[in-house]
Amino acid sequence: MNITTILDLIAERETAAGQAADRLRQQITTLTAELARIDSELADLATTRTTLQALTAAEFTAEDPTVASAPYQQILAVLHAAPTGMRAKDICIAVGVEPSPKHVEGARARLKRLVSRQILTETEPGIFALAPKRT
């Protein structure tokens, strides 16, 4: 093997290594941009969580608690129209939600939360009604 052949092999290897380094630099640039975008999204989500926690904390500790979310408003509207208490399954049907076990349990959990906030009462086990107005 002569020196020219060796130098040609080194040049080929140098070119290949340079191309590989350029591809890696491009990948690093792309990954850095993607990481910055995801970090920004995470910061936005953390801010949103903090804001919502602050808003809902004030909502549920007020003297006359109100509930802003649509599912809770639907439940309250149904119970306002009901002269007596209702079961979670009946509330699902009244708001147009399929009374599958998953949805009934979700409604029951919401009803229990409203009971704990003294917006509803559980007159009998599983029967929920509006709590009397506070004076």
Protein backbone atom coordinates (compact mmCIF):
# COMPACT_ATOMS: atom_id res chain seq x y z
CA MET A 1 0.00 0.00 0.00
CA ASN A 2 1.42 3.35 -0.93
CA ILE A 3 1.03 6.74 0.73
CA THR A 4 -1.42 8.06 -1.88
CA THR A 5 -3.86 5.23 -1.21
CA ILE A 6 -3.63 5.84 2.53
CA LEU A 7 -4.22 9.57 2.11
CA ASP A 8 -7.24 8.86 -0.13
CA LEU A 9 -8.69 6.54 2.54
CA ILE A 10 -8.17 9.22 5.19
CA ALA A 11 -9.83 11.83 2.94
CA GLU A 12 -12.85 9.53 2.36
CA ARG A 13 -13.15 8.85 6.07
CA GLU A 14 -12.82 12.57 6.82
CA THR A 15 -15.61 13.40 4.34
CA ALA A 16 -17.89 10.72 5.81
CA ALA A 17 -17.21 11.90 9.36
CA GLY A 18 -17.87 15.52 8.33
CA GLN A 19 -21.20 14.55 6.75
CA ALA A 20 -22.17 12.57 9.85
CA ALA A 21 -21.25 15.56 12.05
CA ASP A 22 -23.39 17.86 9.85
CA ARG A 23 -26.37 15.48 10.15
CA LEU A 24 -25.96 15.37 13.94
CA ARG A 25 -25.74 19.17 14.16
CA GLN A 26 -28.99 19.42 12.15
CA GLN A 27 -30.65 16.91 14.47
CA ILE A 28 -29.43 18.87 17.50
CA THR A 29 -30.88 22.07 16.04
CA THR A 30 -34.23 20.37 15.36
CA LEU A 31 -34.33 18.74 18.81
CA THR A 32 -33.40 22.02 20.52
CA ALA A 33 -36.28 23.80 18.78
CA GLU A 34 -38.69 20.99 19.70
CA LEU A 35 -37.50 21.05 23.31
CA ALA A 36 -38.03 24.82 23.50
CA ARG A 37 -41.57 24.41 22.14
CA ILE A 38 -42.40 21.68 24.66
CA ASP A 39 -40.86 23.66 27.55
CA SER A 40 -43.04 26.61 26.57
CA GLU A 41 -46.13 24.39 26.49
CA LEU A 42 -45.27 22.96 29.92
CA ALA A 43 -44.91 26.47 31.34
CA ASP A 44 -48.29 27.45 29.84
CA LEU A 45 -49.94 24.36 31.31
CA ALA A 46 -48.45 25.05 34.75
CA THR A 47 -49.74 28.62 34.60
CA THR A 48 -53.17 27.41 33.54
CA ARG A 49 -53.29 24.86 36.35
CA THR A 50 -52.29 27.47 38.93
CA THR A 51 -54.88 29.94 37.64
CA LEU A 52 -57.66 27.35 37.61
CA GLN A 53 -56.79 26.16 41.09
CA ALA A 54 -56.90 29.73 42.35
CA LEU A 55 -60.24 30.37 40.64
CA THR A 56 -61.86 27.17 41.80
CA ALA A 57 -60.55 27.56 45.33
CA ALA A 58 -62.26 30.93 45.54
CA GLU A 59 -65.38 29.48 43.91
CA PHE A 60 -65.81 26.69 46.44
CA THR A 61 -64.90 28.64 49.55
CA ALA A 62 -67.27 31.53 48.92
CA GLU A 63 -70.15 32.11 51.34
CA ASP A 64 -72.65 31.10 48.65
CA PRO A 65 -70.72 28.56 46.57
CA THR A 66 -71.42 28.45 42.88
CA VAL A 67 -70.28 25.87 40.41
CA ALA A 68 -69.18 27.06 36.99
CA SER A 69 -68.52 23.90 34.98
CA ALA A 70 -71.19 22.69 32.56
CA PRO A 71 -71.69 19.17 34.00
CA TYR A 72 -72.31 20.59 37.46
CA GLN A 73 -74.66 23.25 36.07
CA GLN A 74 -76.63 20.54 34.25
CA ILE A 75 -76.93 18.51 37.45
CA LEU A 76 -78.12 21.54 39.40
CA ALA A 77 -80.66 22.45 36.70
CA VAL A 78 -82.12 18.92 36.79
CA LEU A 79 -82.34 18.96 40.58
CA HIS A 80 -83.95 22.43 40.56
CA ALA A 81 -86.74 20.97 38.43
CA ALA A 82 -87.13 17.82 40.57
CA PRO A 83 -89.54 18.12 43.50
CA THR A 84 -87.80 15.27 45.32
CA GLY A 85 -84.30 13.87 45.21
CA MET A 86 -82.93 11.84 42.33
CA ARG A 87 -80.49 8.99 41.83
CA ALA A 88 -77.30 9.39 39.80
CA LYS A 89 -78.65 7.14 37.02
CA ASP A 90 -81.82 9.25 36.72
CA ILE A 91 -79.73 12.41 36.54
CA CYS A 92 -77.65 10.90 33.71
CA ILE A 93 -80.83 10.16 31.77
CA ALA A 94 -82.20 13.66 32.47
CA VAL A 95 -79.08 15.40 31.13
CA GLY A 96 -78.95 13.13 28.08
CA VAL A 97 -75.95 11.03 29.08
CA GLU A 98 -75.94 7.28 28.49
CA PRO A 99 -76.60 5.65 31.91
CA SER A 100 -73.66 3.25 31.59
CA PRO A 101 -71.84 2.35 34.82
CA LYS A 102 -68.93 4.64 33.90
CA HIS A 103 -71.18 7.68 33.45
CA VAL A 104 -73.33 6.90 36.48
CA GLU A 105 -70.24 6.63 38.70
CA GLY A 106 -68.94 9.94 37.28
CA ALA A 107 -72.26 11.61 38.06
CA ARG A 108 -72.28 10.07 41.54
CA ALA A 109 -68.78 11.45 42.19
CA ARG A 110 -69.93 14.93 41.13
CA LEU A 111 -73.02 14.63 43.32
CA LYS A 112 -70.89 13.61 46.30
CA ARG A 113 -68.62 16.63 45.69
CA LEU A 114 -71.67 18.90 45.69
CA VAL A 115 -72.81 17.28 48.95
CA SER A 116 -69.39 17.91 50.51
CA ARG A 117 -69.69 21.57 49.48
CA GLN A 118 -73.15 21.68 51.04
CA ILE A 119 -74.83 22.54 47.74
CA LEU A 120 -76.73 19.23 47.76
CA THR A 121 -77.88 16.84 50.43
CA GLU A 122 -78.06 13.07 50.29
CA THR A 123 -81.50 12.60 51.82
CA GLU A 124 -81.21 8.81 51.66
CA PRO A 125 -78.27 6.71 50.50
CA GLY A 126 -78.02 7.40 46.76
CA ILE A 127 -80.80 10.01 46.66
CA PHE A 128 -79.56 13.55 46.06
CA ALA A 129 -81.49 16.80 46.42
CA LEU A 130 -80.75 20.52 46.61
CA ALA A 131 -79.65 21.68 50.05
CA PRO A 132 -81.94 24.19 51.73
CA LYS A 133 -80.87 27.80 51.17
CA ARG A 134 -78.49 29.15 53.79
CA THR A 135 -79.63 32.02 55.93
